[in-house]
Amino acid sequence: MGTDRQTQKIIEHFEMLGMRIFIAEIVWTAIGTAIFFALLYITLRYAIRDGLRDAQAIDRRTTTPRERDRISGPDMRAD
């Protein structure tokens, strides 16, 4: 009977250890997800801000030629 009780304690110890590892993994996953979305938010915020600044800096009265308009060659469009 003594070995059954000792085996039971070892099994309980491993169950407790497994539960602690499971909880730690959930916590680290939540922290990693929060950091990922925080960095994504900051990146998008600054990218949108820079895009808006660039759009405001362009003089809208003048247009820049498109790449296909710069190419000198015969007009191959259909009539």
Protein backbone atom coordinates (compact mmCIF):
# COMPACT_ATOMS: atom_id res chain seq x y z
CA MET A 1 0.00 0.00 0.00
CA GLY A 2 2.89 2.37 0.63
CA THR A 3 3.97 2.40 -2.97
CA ASP A 4 0.45 3.17 -4.17
CA ARG A 5 0.34 6.27 -1.97
CA GLN A 6 3.79 7.32 -3.13
CA THR A 7 2.80 6.78 -6.76
CA GLN A 8 -0.33 8.85 -6.20
CA LYS A 9 1.76 11.75 -4.82
CA ILE A 10 4.10 11.58 -7.81
CA ILE A 11 1.12 11.62 -10.19
CA GLU A 12 -0.39 14.62 -8.35
CA HIS A 13 2.98 16.38 -8.51
CA PHE A 14 3.17 15.86 -12.30
CA GLU A 15 -0.43 17.02 -12.73
CA MET A 16 0.32 20.18 -10.76
CA LEU A 17 3.49 20.75 -12.77
CA GLY A 18 1.62 20.24 -16.03
CA MET A 19 -1.07 22.70 -14.98
CA ARG A 20 1.56 25.31 -14.10
CA ILE A 21 3.24 24.87 -17.47
CA PHE A 22 -0.14 25.14 -19.23
CA ILE A 23 -1.02 28.36 -17.38
CA ALA A 24 2.44 29.82 -18.07
CA GLU A 25 2.05 29.07 -21.77
CA ILE A 26 -1.34 30.77 -21.88
CA VAL A 27 0.12 33.83 -20.13
CA TRP A 28 3.09 34.03 -22.52
CA THR A 29 0.79 33.63 -25.51
CA ALA A 30 -1.43 36.46 -24.27
CA ILE A 31 1.58 38.71 -23.66
CA GLY A 32 3.02 37.93 -27.10
CA THR A 33 -0.33 38.59 -28.77
CA ALA A 34 -0.71 41.91 -26.95
CA ILE A 35 2.79 43.00 -27.96
CA PHE A 36 2.17 41.97 -31.59
CA PHE A 37 -1.06 43.95 -31.86
CA ALA A 38 0.47 46.96 -30.09
CA LEU A 39 3.33 47.04 -32.59
CA LEU A 40 0.90 46.53 -35.47
CA TYR A 41 -1.23 49.44 -34.25
CA ILE A 42 1.78 51.74 -33.89
CA THR A 43 3.10 50.78 -37.32
CA LEU A 44 -0.23 51.37 -39.05
CA ARG A 45 -0.79 54.62 -37.19
CA TYR A 46 2.54 56.08 -38.28
CA ALA A 47 2.19 54.72 -41.83
CA ILE A 48 -1.21 56.35 -42.24
CA ARG A 49 0.07 59.58 -40.71
CA ASP A 50 3.04 59.69 -43.07
CA GLY A 51 0.77 58.92 -46.03
CA LEU A 52 -1.54 61.78 -45.12
CA ARG A 53 1.41 64.15 -44.75
CA ASP A 54 2.76 63.13 -48.14
CA ALA A 55 -0.65 63.63 -49.72
CA GLN A 56 -0.91 67.13 -48.25
CA ALA A 57 2.63 68.02 -49.32
CA ILE A 58 1.96 67.27 -53.00
CA ASP A 59 0.83 70.29 -54.99
CA ARG A 60 -2.47 69.10 -56.42
CA ARG A 61 -2.44 71.62 -59.25
CA THR A 62 0.38 69.83 -61.04
CA THR A 63 0.34 66.21 -62.03
CA THR A 64 3.27 63.91 -62.33
CA PRO A 65 3.55 61.95 -65.56
CA ARG A 66 2.80 58.29 -65.32
CA GLU A 67 5.44 55.74 -66.20
CA ARG A 68 3.68 54.64 -69.39
CA ASP A 69 3.46 58.27 -70.54
CA ARG A 70 7.23 58.67 -70.26
CA ILE A 71 7.95 55.76 -72.58
CA SER A 72 8.59 56.97 -76.11
CA GLY A 73 7.29 54.50 -78.60
CA PRO A 74 4.51 53.95 -81.11
CA ASP A 75 0.92 54.16 -79.97
CA MET A 76 -0.23 50.54 -79.80
CA ARG A 77 -3.74 51.17 -78.54
CA ALA A 78 -6.71 49.83 -80.46
CA ASP A 79 -8.78 52.31 -82.44
